[in-house]
Amino acid sequence: MDRPRPEAAPVVAAPTMVNDMTVQPLHSRPGHDGNDARPNLTGGQRWTPPGGRRPSKLKWILLGTVIAAVAGAGLYVALKSKPAADGKPAAAAAADGDKDSSSILSVTTVTAAAGDVPRQLLVTGSLAAWDELPIGTQTSGLAITEVLVDEGDKVKAGQLLARFDDKVLRADLLSKEASLREAQALATEADANIRRAEELARTGAISTRDLDARRSTALTTKARVGVAEAAKVQAIARLAQTEVRSPTDGTVARRNARLGAVMSAGGTELFRIIRDDRVELLAEVPEIDLRQLAVGQMAELSAVDINGKPFVGAVRIISPVVDVKTRIGTVKIEVPHDPGLRPGMFVSAKVQTGTQSAPILPEEAVVYRDARSWAVVVNAAKDDKGNHTVTAREVQTGPRDGHRLSILSGVQPGEQVVLTGAGYLKTGDKVIITETPKDKVNPLPAN
């Protein structure tokens, strides 16, 4: 028998060297059997594998792998946590119960007791001199030659403050004195002439007419003496005006006198003096609050002395009129004499206008939120575990007495209010009431 002849192997072209480079021939796409299963295509047609799909690419394979891995991880976590949730042990539930009970806050409370607190009216204003005296001059055309005080100096009544040039006035005084002496001499001579004329008239040597004429001359000379004396007094007064003196005790608040300045009568003031160093508070009060004030009421100032204690004054005058534009009246409050209180300072004062009865709470029991005042009231009823429920109420605070506040609305006398821990509570929270420690807790000793 003739053996079948093996098929001839395909002929592969030998590599060709082009410019020392090897060019490999292109292999055809084999089929499943190692042969090229693609049909011969004509007309620029594109080959498509059987089934109408192109082979999958690497990126889609990688994307599918990632999605499968994520899904598997999620399934693993879900299967692992489900038994723990379904089979939750009793110890974990008990732990949750203990956690709920531990979240209840322990607080201390205080009873809102009715009491009387002072009713106060807050007023503000500036300090001013009780009586500020302007000091000027009555002379004109004279220059200042000496200034003896400055602002802030303490002065006494009659103390010399400044002096003007008095040379002209002294010369005028000398002239007036000379005129006076001349008039006095003429008056003396006229008196002598009268005496001689009276002796001659008794002997008939002169007539009665001549005697009357000499008597008239004597009266005229006496009148001239009076005029000369008045002129001298006037010159002395003008000379005295060249010296400016303090009319009262006090403090120099302002000094406008300058060396060499020529002043005129009724012109710029030379000095301004605070009479007796008395200062008062000029408080501006709205018309609606004026009815609460009365003369003599005590007022506590915001300014303090060197010991840290506030100054205390008293209402001296309440303005009888109110400004028609601002509707504000002025109240003058007398304040004590102290170097720390100076005119021009801005000061507020609390005027005691009476007392008021209202529930009283410590300052710590009032919580401030959103510019409003709150108090946490404890309900008297208890639950099955002995806990109390609280209610947060908005309150209106009134006058203050130290660290105590009067409550005008929101809390009734006798109610229990949270003292410590109120800032952490809201309506509906449960609390445990503990007793307020009465003994002072001593700090630990230092090591």
Protein backbone atom coordinates (compact mmCIF):
# COMPACT_ATOMS: atom_id res chain seq x y z
CA MET A 1 0.00 0.00 0.00
CA ASP A 2 1.06 3.39 -0.71
CA ARG A 3 1.44 5.52 2.32
CA PRO A 4 -0.34 8.83 2.24
CA ARG A 5 1.91 11.66 1.40
CA PRO A 6 2.23 14.26 4.04
CA GLU A 7 1.04 17.68 3.20
CA ALA A 8 3.72 20.04 2.27
CA ALA A 9 4.60 22.63 4.85
CA PRO A 10 3.89 26.17 3.97
CA VAL A 11 6.76 27.95 2.51
CA VAL A 12 8.07 30.81 4.59
CA ALA A 13 10.02 33.41 2.85
CA ALA A 14 13.52 33.91 4.10
CA PRO A 15 14.31 37.14 5.86
CA THR A 16 15.75 39.78 3.69
CA MET A 17 18.44 42.20 4.76
CA VAL A 18 17.76 45.79 3.75
CA ASN A 19 20.39 48.22 4.80
CA ASP A 20 21.52 45.79 7.48
CA MET A 21 17.97 45.53 8.87
CA THR A 22 15.95 42.26 8.99
CA VAL A 23 12.40 42.44 7.68
CA GLN A 24 10.16 39.61 8.95
CA PRO A 25 7.26 38.54 6.83
CA LEU A 26 3.73 39.08 8.17
CA HIS A 27 1.95 35.98 9.42
CA SER A 28 -1.58 35.35 8.47
CA ARG A 29 -4.37 35.08 11.17
CA PRO A 30 -4.74 31.34 11.71
CA GLY A 31 -7.99 29.64 12.24
CA HIS A 32 -8.89 27.08 14.88
CA ASP A 33 -6.99 24.46 12.95
CA GLY A 34 -3.96 26.53 12.40
CA ASN A 35 -4.96 27.62 8.93
CA ASP A 36 -6.31 30.95 7.85
CA ALA A 37 -10.07 30.67 8.15
CA ARG A 38 -10.86 34.13 6.80
CA PRO A 39 -12.49 34.18 3.41
CA ASN A 40 -11.10 36.18 0.59
CA LEU A 41 -12.57 39.73 0.90
CA THR A 42 -12.87 42.07 -1.96
CA GLY A 43 -13.97 45.61 -2.33
CA GLY A 44 -12.39 46.92 0.92
CA GLN A 45 -14.69 44.88 3.16
CA ARG A 46 -13.69 44.46 6.86
CA TRP A 47 -13.41 41.02 8.39
CA THR A 48 -15.72 40.22 11.26
CA PRO A 49 -15.41 37.15 13.42
CA PRO A 50 -18.27 34.63 13.56
CA GLY A 51 -21.21 35.79 15.62
CA GLY A 52 -20.80 39.45 14.62
CA ARG A 53 -18.61 40.45 17.68
CA ARG A 54 -15.04 41.59 17.91
CA PRO A 55 -12.76 40.06 20.54
CA SER A 56 -12.95 41.60 24.12
CA LYS A 57 -10.27 44.06 25.04
CA LEU A 58 -8.02 44.10 28.08
CA LYS A 59 -9.60 47.13 29.70
CA TRP A 60 -13.04 45.57 29.85
CA ILE A 61 -11.52 42.47 31.40
CA LEU A 62 -9.83 44.55 34.12
CA LEU A 63 -13.00 46.57 34.81
CA GLY A 64 -15.03 43.44 35.25
CA THR A 65 -12.45 42.02 37.61
CA VAL A 66 -12.55 45.15 39.84
CA ILE A 67 -16.37 45.16 39.98
CA ALA A 68 -16.40 41.51 40.94
CA ALA A 69 -13.85 42.10 43.71
CA VAL A 70 -15.84 45.02 45.20
CA ALA A 71 -19.07 43.08 45.11
CA GLY A 72 -17.41 40.15 46.81
CA ALA A 73 -15.98 42.33 49.58
CA GLY A 74 -19.39 43.93 50.21
CA LEU A 75 -21.05 40.55 50.38
CA TYR A 76 -18.42 39.33 52.83
CA VAL A 77 -18.93 42.28 55.18
CA ALA A 78 -22.70 41.95 55.04
CA LEU A 79 -22.62 38.23 55.79
CA LYS A 80 -20.16 38.73 58.65
CA SER A 81 -22.08 41.55 60.41
CA LYS A 82 -25.54 40.06 60.06
CA PRO A 83 -25.11 37.27 62.55
CA ALA A 84 -23.64 39.68 65.10
CA ALA A 85 -26.65 41.98 64.72
CA ASP A 86 -29.16 39.18 64.74
CA GLY A 87 -27.52 37.33 67.58
CA LYS A 88 -26.77 40.39 69.85
CA PRO A 89 -25.91 39.08 73.29
CA ALA A 90 -27.78 40.20 76.39
CA ALA A 91 -24.59 41.70 77.86
CA ALA A 92 -24.44 44.23 74.97
CA ALA A 93 -28.08 45.23 75.52
CA ALA A 94 -27.42 45.67 79.20
CA ALA A 95 -24.42 47.84 78.38
CA ASP A 96 -26.67 50.06 76.23
CA GLY A 97 -29.10 50.38 79.11
CA ASP A 98 -26.30 51.44 81.44
CA LYS A 99 -25.20 53.99 78.85
CA ASP A 100 -28.70 55.53 78.77
CA SER A 101 -28.83 55.79 82.54
CA SER A 102 -25.36 57.35 82.72
CA SER A 103 -26.43 60.11 80.31
CA ILE A 104 -28.82 61.53 82.94
CA LEU A 105 -27.23 64.62 84.46
CA SER A 106 -26.90 65.07 88.22
CA VAL A 107 -27.78 68.64 89.25
CA THR A 108 -28.35 70.75 92.32
CA THR A 109 -31.44 72.88 92.74
CA VAL A 110 -32.56 75.97 94.59
CA THR A 111 -36.02 77.05 95.67
CA ALA A 112 -37.31 80.33 94.26
CA ALA A 113 -38.24 82.26 97.41
CA ALA A 114 -40.19 85.50 97.41
CA GLY A 115 -38.29 88.48 98.81
CA ASP A 116 -37.86 92.24 98.66
CA VAL A 117 -35.11 93.65 96.50
CA PRO A 118 -34.25 97.31 96.00
CA ARG A 119 -35.76 98.88 92.92
CA GLN A 120 -33.10 100.84 91.03
CA LEU A 121 -33.07 103.24 88.12
CA LEU A 122 -29.90 103.45 86.04
CA VAL A 123 -29.06 106.97 84.88
CA THR A 124 -26.06 108.24 82.94
CA GLY A 125 -24.48 111.61 82.44
CA SER A 126 -21.37 113.72 82.93
CA LEU A 127 -19.84 115.34 85.96
CA ALA A 128 -19.92 119.13 86.04
CA ALA A 129 -18.94 121.86 88.45
CA TRP A 130 -21.65 122.79 90.91
CA ASP A 131 -20.92 126.48 90.28
CA GLU A 132 -18.24 127.46 87.73
CA LEU A 133 -17.24 131.12 88.08
CA PRO A 134 -15.88 133.07 85.09
CA ILE A 135 -13.25 135.64 86.18
CA GLY A 136 -12.67 138.66 83.91
CA THR A 137 -11.44 142.24 84.18
CA GLN A 138 -13.03 145.69 84.38
CA THR A 139 -10.09 147.55 82.91
CA SER A 140 -9.47 148.30 79.24
CA GLY A 141 -6.32 148.91 77.27
CA LEU A 142 -3.95 147.49 79.88
CA ALA A 143 -1.50 144.64 79.30
CA ILE A 144 -1.05 141.67 81.62
CA THR A 145 2.32 141.80 83.35
CA GLU A 146 2.04 138.81 85.68
CA VAL A 147 0.07 135.54 85.88
CA LEU A 148 0.36 133.82 89.25
CA VAL A 149 -1.78 130.65 88.91
CA ASP A 150 -2.31 127.89 86.40
CA GLU A 151 -5.00 125.34 85.63
CA GLY A 152 -5.58 122.88 88.46
CA ASP A 153 -4.21 125.15 91.18
CA LYS A 154 -6.13 125.46 94.42
CA VAL A 155 -6.94 129.07 95.31
CA LYS A 156 -8.36 130.89 98.32
CA ALA A 157 -10.79 133.77 98.45
CA GLY A 158 -8.92 137.04 97.79
CA GLN A 159 -5.82 135.35 96.40
CA LEU A 160 -4.03 137.31 93.63
CA LEU A 161 -4.38 135.58 90.28
CA ALA A 162 -2.96 138.08 87.76
CA ARG A 163 -1.75 141.68 87.58
CA PHE A 164 -2.05 144.35 84.84
CA ASP A 165 0.31 147.20 84.03
CA ASP A 166 -0.70 149.97 86.50
CA LYS A 167 1.78 152.75 85.74
CA VAL A 168 -0.78 154.99 84.03
CA LEU A 169 -3.34 154.45 86.75
CA ARG A 170 -0.84 155.21 89.50
CA ALA A 171 0.06 158.48 87.79
CA ASP A 172 -3.60 159.33 87.49
CA LEU A 173 -4.03 158.61 91.18
CA LEU A 174 -1.22 161.02 92.00
CA SER A 175 -2.91 163.68 89.89
CA LYS A 176 -6.20 163.15 91.68
CA GLU A 177 -4.51 163.42 95.06
CA ALA A 178 -2.90 166.73 94.05
CA SER A 179 -6.23 168.09 92.88
CA LEU A 180 -7.72 167.09 96.20
CA ARG A 181 -5.05 168.88 98.16
CA GLU A 182 -5.54 171.98 96.00
CA ALA A 183 -9.24 171.97 96.61
CA GLN A 184 -8.72 171.52 100.33
CA ALA A 185 -6.34 174.51 100.40
CA LEU A 186 -8.84 176.71 98.59
CA ALA A 187 -11.52 175.62 101.02
CA THR A 188 -9.34 176.50 103.99
CA GLU A 189 -8.65 179.94 102.54
CA ALA A 190 -12.34 180.50 101.88
CA ASP A 191 -13.16 179.65 105.51
CA ALA A 192 -10.59 182.19 106.71
CA ASN A 193 -12.01 184.90 104.43
CA ILE A 194 -15.47 184.32 105.86
CA ARG A 195 -14.25 184.75 109.42
CA ARG A 196 -12.51 188.05 108.55
CA ALA A 197 -15.52 189.30 106.60
CA GLU A 198 -17.83 188.62 109.52
CA GLU A 199 -15.60 190.73 111.88
CA LEU A 200 -15.50 193.58 109.36
CA ALA A 201 -19.23 193.41 108.84
CA ARG A 202 -19.83 193.90 112.57
CA THR A 203 -17.79 197.18 112.46
CA GLY A 204 -19.46 198.23 109.17
CA ALA A 205 -16.23 198.14 107.16
CA ILE A 206 -17.78 195.89 104.44
CA SER A 207 -21.23 195.52 103.21
CA THR A 208 -23.52 192.59 103.67
CA ARG A 209 -23.24 191.86 99.95
CA ASP A 210 -19.50 191.26 100.15
CA LEU A 211 -20.03 188.97 103.14
CA ASP A 212 -22.52 186.85 101.18
CA ALA A 213 -20.14 186.59 98.24
CA ARG A 214 -17.35 185.25 100.43
CA ARG A 215 -19.68 182.73 102.02
CA SER A 216 -20.68 181.51 98.52
CA THR A 217 -17.03 181.16 97.53
CA ALA A 218 -16.36 179.06 100.64
CA LEU A 219 -19.23 176.70 99.78
CA THR A 220 -17.92 176.33 96.23
CA THR A 221 -14.45 175.40 97.39
CA LYS A 222 -15.88 172.80 99.78
CA ALA A 223 -17.81 171.27 96.87
CA ARG A 224 -14.61 171.13 94.85
CA VAL A 225 -13.01 169.23 97.70
CA GLY A 226 -15.76 166.64 97.48
CA VAL A 227 -15.27 166.29 93.73
CA ALA A 228 -11.52 165.84 94.18
CA GLU A 229 -12.08 163.21 96.86
CA ALA A 230 -14.46 161.29 94.58
CA ALA A 231 -11.92 161.44 91.75
CA LYS A 232 -9.27 160.08 94.06
CA VAL A 233 -11.52 157.19 95.16
CA GLN A 234 -12.24 156.40 91.52
CA ALA A 235 -8.54 156.37 90.70
CA ILE A 236 -7.87 154.05 93.64
CA ALA A 237 -10.61 151.71 92.45
CA ARG A 238 -9.27 151.62 88.92
CA LEU A 239 -5.82 150.94 90.27
CA ALA A 240 -7.19 148.06 92.35
CA GLN A 241 -8.76 146.55 89.25
CA THR A 242 -5.32 145.94 87.82
CA GLU A 243 -5.04 143.08 90.30
CA VAL A 244 -7.32 140.09 89.54
CA ARG A 245 -8.23 138.20 92.73
CA SER A 246 -10.25 135.05 93.39
CA PRO A 247 -13.75 135.71 94.72
CA THR A 248 -14.01 132.31 96.46
CA ASP A 249 -12.18 129.15 97.38
CA GLY A 250 -11.88 126.61 94.63
CA THR A 251 -9.82 125.21 91.79
CA VAL A 252 -8.72 126.93 88.60
CA ALA A 253 -10.47 124.98 85.83
CA ARG A 254 -9.33 127.15 82.91
CA ARG A 255 -6.77 129.87 82.34
CA ASN A 256 -6.95 132.22 79.36
CA ALA A 257 -4.68 134.95 80.78
CA ARG A 258 -1.40 135.33 78.90
CA LEU A 259 1.54 137.61 79.56
CA GLY A 260 1.48 140.73 77.40
CA ALA A 261 -2.15 140.30 76.34
CA VAL A 262 -4.12 143.56 76.25
CA MET A 263 -7.59 142.89 77.62
CA SER A 264 -10.78 144.88 77.39
CA ALA A 265 -13.57 145.20 79.91
CA GLY A 266 -16.26 142.58 79.37
CA GLY A 267 -14.07 140.68 76.88
CA THR A 268 -12.56 137.20 77.13
CA GLU A 269 -12.58 135.71 80.59
CA LEU A 270 -9.21 135.34 82.25
CA PHE A 271 -9.92 132.39 84.52
CA ARG A 272 -12.68 129.90 85.33
CA ILE A 273 -12.86 128.64 88.90
CA ILE A 274 -14.81 125.69 90.33
CA ARG A 275 -16.48 127.14 93.36
CA ASP A 276 -15.62 125.29 96.59
CA ASP A 277 -14.47 122.32 94.44
CA ARG A 278 -18.02 121.00 94.40
CA VAL A 279 -18.91 118.62 91.57
CA GLU A 280 -22.28 117.11 90.66
CA LEU A 281 -23.62 114.60 88.17
CA LEU A 282 -25.84 115.95 85.42
CA ALA A 283 -27.86 112.85 84.52
CA GLU A 284 -30.15 112.68 81.50
CA VAL A 285 -33.35 110.82 82.32
CA PRO A 286 -36.26 109.99 79.95
CA GLU A 287 -39.50 111.69 80.85
CA ILE A 288 -41.19 108.36 81.65
CA ASP A 289 -38.62 107.66 84.41
CA LEU A 290 -38.68 111.11 86.00
CA ARG A 291 -41.78 110.20 88.01
CA GLN A 292 -39.77 107.58 89.93
CA LEU A 293 -37.21 110.11 91.19
CA ALA A 294 -37.42 112.34 94.25
CA VAL A 295 -35.05 114.77 95.92
CA GLY A 296 -32.89 113.05 98.52
CA GLN A 297 -32.84 109.56 96.99
CA MET A 298 -29.47 107.81 97.29
CA ALA A 299 -27.44 107.11 94.17
CA GLU A 300 -24.50 104.72 93.80
CA LEU A 301 -21.99 105.90 91.20
CA SER A 302 -20.04 103.67 88.84
CA ALA A 303 -16.84 105.52 89.79
CA VAL A 304 -14.91 104.10 92.75
CA ASP A 305 -12.45 105.54 95.23
CA ILE A 306 -8.89 104.41 95.86
CA ASN A 307 -10.20 101.55 98.02
CA GLY A 308 -12.45 100.24 95.25
CA LYS A 309 -15.69 101.36 96.91
CA PRO A 310 -18.26 103.19 94.76
CA PHE A 311 -19.03 106.81 95.53
CA VAL A 312 -22.49 107.47 96.93
CA GLY A 313 -24.41 110.66 96.20
CA ALA A 314 -27.93 112.03 96.52
CA VAL A 315 -30.46 113.56 94.16
CA ARG A 316 -30.28 117.35 94.61
CA ILE A 317 -32.43 118.87 91.86
CA ILE A 318 -34.92 117.38 89.38
CA SER A 319 -35.40 119.47 86.26
CA PRO A 320 -38.83 121.13 86.23
CA VAL A 321 -38.96 121.04 82.40
CA VAL A 322 -38.33 118.40 79.73
CA ASP A 323 -36.72 119.04 76.38
CA VAL A 324 -39.47 119.11 73.75
CA LYS A 325 -37.24 117.50 71.10
CA THR A 326 -35.47 114.75 73.01
CA ARG A 327 -38.09 114.20 75.76
CA ILE A 328 -35.28 114.05 78.29
CA GLY A 329 -35.00 115.84 81.61
CA THR A 330 -31.93 116.65 83.68
CA VAL A 331 -31.37 115.42 87.21
CA LYS A 332 -28.55 116.87 89.33
CA ILE A 333 -26.99 114.40 91.73
CA GLU A 334 -24.65 115.72 94.40
CA VAL A 335 -21.45 113.70 94.70
CA PRO A 336 -18.80 113.74 97.44
CA HIS A 337 -15.70 115.88 97.12
CA ASP A 338 -12.82 113.76 95.84
CA PRO A 339 -9.91 114.46 93.47
CA GLY A 340 -10.91 111.40 91.46
CA LEU A 341 -14.22 112.99 90.44
CA ARG A 342 -13.47 115.61 87.83
CA PRO A 343 -15.80 117.67 85.65
CA GLY A 344 -16.37 116.16 82.24
CA MET A 345 -16.12 112.50 83.32
CA PHE A 346 -18.82 110.13 82.04
CA VAL A 347 -20.46 108.43 85.01
CA SER A 348 -23.52 106.24 85.53
CA ALA A 349 -25.46 105.95 88.76
CA LYS A 350 -28.02 103.57 90.24
CA VAL A 351 -30.71 105.54 92.03
CA GLN A 352 -32.58 103.67 94.76
CA THR A 353 -36.25 104.31 94.00
CA GLY A 354 -37.79 101.82 96.47
CA THR A 355 -38.20 98.07 96.94
CA GLN A 356 -39.98 95.35 94.99
CA SER A 357 -41.33 91.90 95.97
CA ALA A 358 -40.57 89.07 93.51
CA PRO A 359 -39.13 85.53 93.35
CA ILE A 360 -35.41 85.61 94.07
CA LEU A 361 -32.84 83.37 92.39
CA PRO A 362 -29.06 83.25 92.57
CA GLU A 363 -27.30 84.69 89.58
CA GLU A 364 -25.89 81.25 88.70
CA ALA A 365 -29.40 79.82 88.17
CA VAL A 366 -30.12 82.11 85.20
CA VAL A 367 -28.78 81.04 81.79
CA TYR A 368 -28.34 83.49 78.92
CA ARG A 369 -28.94 82.20 75.40
CA ASP A 370 -29.59 84.16 72.21
CA ALA A 371 -29.73 87.45 74.14
CA ARG A 372 -32.52 86.07 76.36
CA SER A 373 -32.66 84.87 79.96
CA TRP A 374 -33.67 81.32 80.82
CA ALA A 375 -34.28 79.28 83.98
CA VAL A 376 -34.56 75.47 84.07
CA VAL A 377 -37.47 74.46 86.34
CA VAL A 378 -37.62 70.94 87.81
CA ASN A 379 -40.99 69.20 87.67
CA ALA A 380 -42.08 67.80 91.03
CA ALA A 381 -43.25 64.44 89.59
CA LYS A 382 -40.81 61.53 89.32
CA ASP A 383 -40.64 58.61 86.90
CA ASP A 384 -40.38 54.95 87.90
CA LYS A 385 -36.61 55.34 88.34
CA GLY A 386 -36.88 58.41 90.58
CA ASN A 387 -35.71 60.90 87.94
CA HIS A 388 -37.21 64.34 87.37
CA THR A 389 -38.06 66.03 84.09
CA VAL A 390 -37.04 69.65 83.54
CA THR A 391 -38.57 72.54 81.59
CA ALA A 392 -36.59 75.49 80.24
CA ARG A 393 -38.53 78.75 80.66
CA GLU A 394 -37.73 82.20 79.42
CA VAL A 395 -37.70 84.65 82.34
CA GLN A 396 -37.68 88.40 82.74
CA THR A 397 -35.15 89.59 85.26
CA GLY A 398 -35.66 92.62 87.46
CA PRO A 399 -33.59 94.53 89.99
CA ARG A 400 -30.38 92.99 91.24
CA ASP A 401 -29.18 92.85 94.82
CA GLY A 402 -25.58 91.70 94.81
CA HIS A 403 -25.56 88.17 93.33
CA ARG A 404 -29.34 87.81 93.63
CA LEU A 405 -31.77 88.45 90.80
CA SER A 406 -35.46 89.19 91.03
CA ILE A 407 -37.57 87.31 88.48
CA LEU A 408 -40.49 89.35 87.18
CA SER A 409 -42.01 86.54 85.10
CA GLY A 410 -41.38 82.89 84.21
CA VAL A 411 -40.87 81.43 87.70
CA GLN A 412 -43.25 81.23 90.65
CA PRO A 413 -42.24 81.27 94.33
CA GLY A 414 -41.66 77.74 95.69
CA GLU A 415 -40.58 76.15 92.41
CA GLN A 416 -37.34 74.18 92.20
CA VAL A 417 -34.83 75.66 89.75
CA VAL A 418 -31.62 73.99 88.58
CA LEU A 419 -28.62 75.73 90.10
CA THR A 420 -25.62 73.86 88.66
CA GLY A 421 -25.75 72.28 85.22
CA ALA A 422 -28.59 74.40 83.84
CA GLY A 423 -26.55 75.32 80.79
CA TYR A 424 -26.51 71.69 79.58
CA LEU A 425 -30.25 71.04 79.82
CA LYS A 426 -33.27 71.54 77.61
CA THR A 427 -36.97 70.94 77.96
CA GLY A 428 -37.76 67.24 78.45
CA ASP A 429 -34.38 66.17 79.79
CA LYS A 430 -34.25 63.99 82.88
CA VAL A 431 -32.04 64.82 85.84
CA ILE A 432 -30.98 63.39 89.16
CA ILE A 433 -31.21 65.88 92.04
CA THR A 434 -28.29 65.83 94.44
CA GLU A 435 -27.80 67.79 97.61
CA THR A 436 -25.73 70.94 97.54
CA PRO A 437 -22.50 70.42 99.51
CA LYS A 438 -22.53 72.54 102.62
CA ASP A 439 -18.99 71.90 103.80
CA LYS A 440 -16.11 73.68 102.16
CA VAL A 441 -13.96 71.33 100.10
CA ASN A 442 -10.31 71.76 100.98
CA PRO A 443 -7.77 71.49 98.19
CA LEU A 444 -5.35 68.58 98.04
CA PRO A 445 -2.06 69.20 99.85
CA ALA A 446 0.85 70.14 97.65
CA ASN A 447 3.44 67.44 97.12
